[in-house]
Amino acid sequence: MTASLNCPTCGKPVREPGPNEPMGHFPFCCERCQLIDLGRWLDGKYQIPVEETDAGDTGEDALGLSQA
């Protein structure tokens, strides 16, 4: 039995391919939705927010690399 889930781009139901079936565009419903998602990655829309630090802080202190 295969699982069913929704396309992450458009929300249409997508059937998970079985062990002997080609992956196709899974987990997307079609090539169009797959390319839309790729475009979002390339545009930087899936960024992880980071906490801004001081402009002069290189992060070396946090790594224990500062020279005293």
N, C-alpha and C. Protein backbone atom coordinates (compact mmCIF):
# COMPACT_ATOMS: atom_id res chain seq x y z
N MET A 1 0.84 -1.18 0.00
CA MET A 1 0.00 0.00 0.00
C MET A 1 0.88 1.24 0.00
N THR A 2 0.56 2.23 -0.83
CA THR A 2 1.35 3.44 -0.90
C THR A 2 0.66 4.58 -0.17
N ALA A 3 1.46 5.50 0.35
CA ALA A 3 0.92 6.62 1.09
C ALA A 3 0.47 7.72 0.13
N SER A 4 -0.41 8.59 0.60
CA SER A 4 -0.88 9.71 -0.20
C SER A 4 -0.60 10.99 0.57
N LEU A 5 -0.17 12.02 -0.15
CA LEU A 5 0.06 13.31 0.48
C LEU A 5 -0.27 14.39 -0.52
N ASN A 6 -0.08 15.65 -0.16
CA ASN A 6 -0.42 16.76 -1.03
C ASN A 6 0.83 17.39 -1.61
N CYS A 7 0.71 17.89 -2.84
CA CYS A 7 1.80 18.59 -3.52
C CYS A 7 2.15 19.83 -2.69
N PRO A 8 3.44 20.04 -2.38
CA PRO A 8 3.83 21.19 -1.57
C PRO A 8 3.60 22.53 -2.27
N THR A 9 3.42 22.55 -3.59
CA THR A 9 3.23 23.80 -4.31
C THR A 9 1.76 24.16 -4.46
N CYS A 10 0.95 23.22 -4.95
CA CYS A 10 -0.45 23.56 -5.24
C CYS A 10 -1.46 22.89 -4.31
N GLY A 11 -1.04 21.86 -3.57
CA GLY A 11 -1.92 21.20 -2.62
C GLY A 11 -2.74 20.05 -3.19
N LYS A 12 -2.57 19.74 -4.48
CA LYS A 12 -3.30 18.61 -5.06
C LYS A 12 -2.80 17.30 -4.44
N PRO A 13 -3.66 16.30 -4.33
CA PRO A 13 -3.22 15.01 -3.80
C PRO A 13 -2.19 14.36 -4.73
N VAL A 14 -1.16 13.77 -4.12
CA VAL A 14 -0.10 13.09 -4.86
C VAL A 14 0.06 11.71 -4.25
N ARG A 15 0.10 10.68 -5.11
CA ARG A 15 0.28 9.32 -4.63
C ARG A 15 1.77 9.00 -4.63
N GLU A 16 2.25 8.46 -3.52
CA GLU A 16 3.65 8.06 -3.44
C GLU A 16 3.88 6.85 -4.33
N PRO A 17 4.93 6.89 -5.17
CA PRO A 17 5.17 5.74 -6.05
C PRO A 17 5.58 4.51 -5.27
N GLY A 18 5.22 3.35 -5.78
CA GLY A 18 5.59 2.09 -5.14
C GLY A 18 7.06 1.78 -5.37
N PRO A 19 7.56 0.70 -4.78
CA PRO A 19 8.98 0.37 -4.87
C PRO A 19 9.45 0.08 -6.29
N ASN A 20 8.59 -0.35 -7.17
CA ASN A 20 8.99 -0.67 -8.54
C ASN A 20 8.52 0.37 -9.55
N GLU A 21 8.07 1.53 -9.07
CA GLU A 21 7.58 2.58 -9.94
C GLU A 21 8.60 3.72 -10.00
N PRO A 22 8.69 4.43 -11.14
CA PRO A 22 9.61 5.57 -11.21
C PRO A 22 9.12 6.71 -10.32
N MET A 23 10.07 7.49 -9.83
CA MET A 23 9.74 8.59 -8.91
C MET A 23 8.98 9.72 -9.62
N GLY A 24 9.22 9.92 -10.91
CA GLY A 24 8.52 10.98 -11.63
C GLY A 24 8.84 12.34 -11.02
N HIS A 25 7.82 13.08 -10.63
CA HIS A 25 8.00 14.41 -10.04
C HIS A 25 7.75 14.41 -8.53
N PHE A 26 7.62 13.24 -7.96
CA PHE A 26 7.31 13.12 -6.53
C PHE A 26 8.30 13.94 -5.70
N PRO A 27 7.88 14.70 -4.71
CA PRO A 27 6.56 14.79 -4.09
C PRO A 27 5.63 15.81 -4.73
N PHE A 28 5.99 16.31 -5.91
CA PHE A 28 5.14 17.28 -6.61
C PHE A 28 4.18 16.54 -7.54
N CYS A 29 3.09 17.21 -7.92
CA CYS A 29 2.10 16.56 -8.78
C CYS A 29 2.50 16.60 -10.24
N CYS A 30 3.33 17.57 -10.63
CA CYS A 30 3.73 17.71 -12.03
C CYS A 30 5.04 18.48 -12.14
N GLU A 31 5.57 18.52 -13.34
CA GLU A 31 6.83 19.23 -13.57
C GLU A 31 6.68 20.72 -13.29
N ARG A 32 5.53 21.29 -13.61
CA ARG A 32 5.30 22.72 -13.38
C ARG A 32 5.47 23.07 -11.91
N CYS A 33 4.84 22.30 -11.02
CA CYS A 33 4.95 22.57 -9.59
C CYS A 33 6.38 22.37 -9.10
N GLN A 34 7.06 21.39 -9.67
CA GLN A 34 8.46 21.14 -9.32
C GLN A 34 9.33 22.34 -9.69
N LEU A 35 9.11 22.92 -10.88
CA LEU A 35 9.89 24.07 -11.32
C LEU A 35 9.54 25.34 -10.55
N ILE A 36 8.29 25.49 -10.15
CA ILE A 36 7.91 26.63 -9.31
C ILE A 36 8.67 26.58 -7.99
N ASP A 37 8.74 25.39 -7.40
CA ASP A 37 9.46 25.23 -6.13
C ASP A 37 10.95 25.51 -6.32
N LEU A 38 11.54 25.03 -7.41
CA LEU A 38 12.95 25.29 -7.70
C LEU A 38 13.19 26.79 -7.82
N GLY A 39 12.30 27.49 -8.51
CA GLY A 39 12.41 28.94 -8.65
C GLY A 39 12.38 29.64 -7.31
N ARG A 40 11.55 29.15 -6.39
CA ARG A 40 11.49 29.75 -5.05
C ARG A 40 12.81 29.56 -4.31
N TRP A 41 13.42 28.38 -4.46
CA TRP A 41 14.73 28.14 -3.83
C TRP A 41 15.77 29.08 -4.43
N LEU A 42 15.78 29.20 -5.75
CA LEU A 42 16.78 30.04 -6.40
C LEU A 42 16.60 31.53 -6.09
N ASP A 43 15.36 31.95 -5.84
CA ASP A 43 15.08 33.34 -5.47
C ASP A 43 15.38 33.62 -4.00
N GLY A 44 15.71 32.58 -3.22
CA GLY A 44 16.02 32.77 -1.81
C GLY A 44 14.81 32.90 -0.92
N LYS A 45 13.66 32.38 -1.36
CA LYS A 45 12.44 32.50 -0.55
C LYS A 45 12.37 31.48 0.58
N TYR A 46 13.27 30.50 0.57
CA TYR A 46 13.28 29.49 1.63
C TYR A 46 14.48 29.68 2.55
N GLN A 47 14.79 30.91 2.89
CA GLN A 47 15.94 31.19 3.74
C GLN A 47 15.59 30.96 5.20
N ILE A 48 16.58 30.55 5.95
CA ILE A 48 16.44 30.42 7.39
C ILE A 48 16.83 31.75 8.01
N PRO A 49 15.95 32.36 8.81
CA PRO A 49 16.29 33.65 9.39
C PRO A 49 17.49 33.53 10.33
N VAL A 50 18.36 34.52 10.28
CA VAL A 50 19.53 34.55 11.15
C VAL A 50 19.50 35.81 11.99
N GLU A 51 20.13 35.74 13.12
CA GLU A 51 20.21 36.90 14.01
C GLU A 51 21.39 37.75 13.57
N GLU A 52 21.15 39.03 13.33
CA GLU A 52 22.21 39.94 12.91
C GLU A 52 23.17 40.17 14.07
N THR A 53 24.46 40.29 13.74
CA THR A 53 25.48 40.58 14.75
C THR A 53 26.12 41.92 14.42
N ASP A 54 27.02 42.38 15.26
CA ASP A 54 27.73 43.63 15.01
C ASP A 54 28.50 43.53 13.71
N ALA A 55 28.68 44.65 13.03
CA ALA A 55 29.36 44.65 11.73
C ALA A 55 30.81 44.18 11.85
N GLY A 56 31.47 44.46 12.96
CA GLY A 56 32.86 44.07 13.13
C GLY A 56 33.03 42.66 13.66
N ASP A 57 31.95 42.02 14.06
CA ASP A 57 32.03 40.67 14.63
C ASP A 57 32.14 39.65 13.51
N THR A 58 33.25 38.91 13.50
CA THR A 58 33.45 37.89 12.47
C THR A 58 32.99 36.52 12.91
N GLY A 59 32.56 36.40 14.16
CA GLY A 59 32.12 35.11 14.67
C GLY A 59 33.24 34.28 15.23
N GLU A 60 34.46 34.80 15.19
CA GLU A 60 35.60 34.03 15.68
C GLU A 60 35.51 33.81 17.18
N ASP A 61 34.98 34.78 17.92
CA ASP A 61 34.85 34.63 19.38
C ASP A 61 33.97 33.45 19.73
N ALA A 62 32.88 33.29 18.99
CA ALA A 62 31.96 32.20 19.27
C ALA A 62 32.60 30.84 19.01
N LEU A 63 33.57 30.81 18.10
CA LEU A 63 34.24 29.56 17.78
C LEU A 63 35.50 29.35 18.61
N GLY A 64 35.84 30.32 19.44
CA GLY A 64 37.05 30.20 20.26
C GLY A 64 38.31 30.43 19.45
N LEU A 65 38.22 31.22 18.38
CA LEU A 65 39.36 31.44 17.51
C LEU A 65 40.00 32.82 17.71
N SER A 66 39.50 33.58 18.66
CA SER A 66 40.04 34.92 18.85
C SER A 66 41.47 34.85 19.37
N GLN A 67 42.27 35.82 18.94
CA GLN A 67 43.65 35.87 19.38
C GLN A 67 43.78 36.93 20.46
N ALA A 68 44.30 36.56 21.60
CA ALA A 68 44.40 37.49 22.71
C ALA A 68 45.70 38.22 22.74
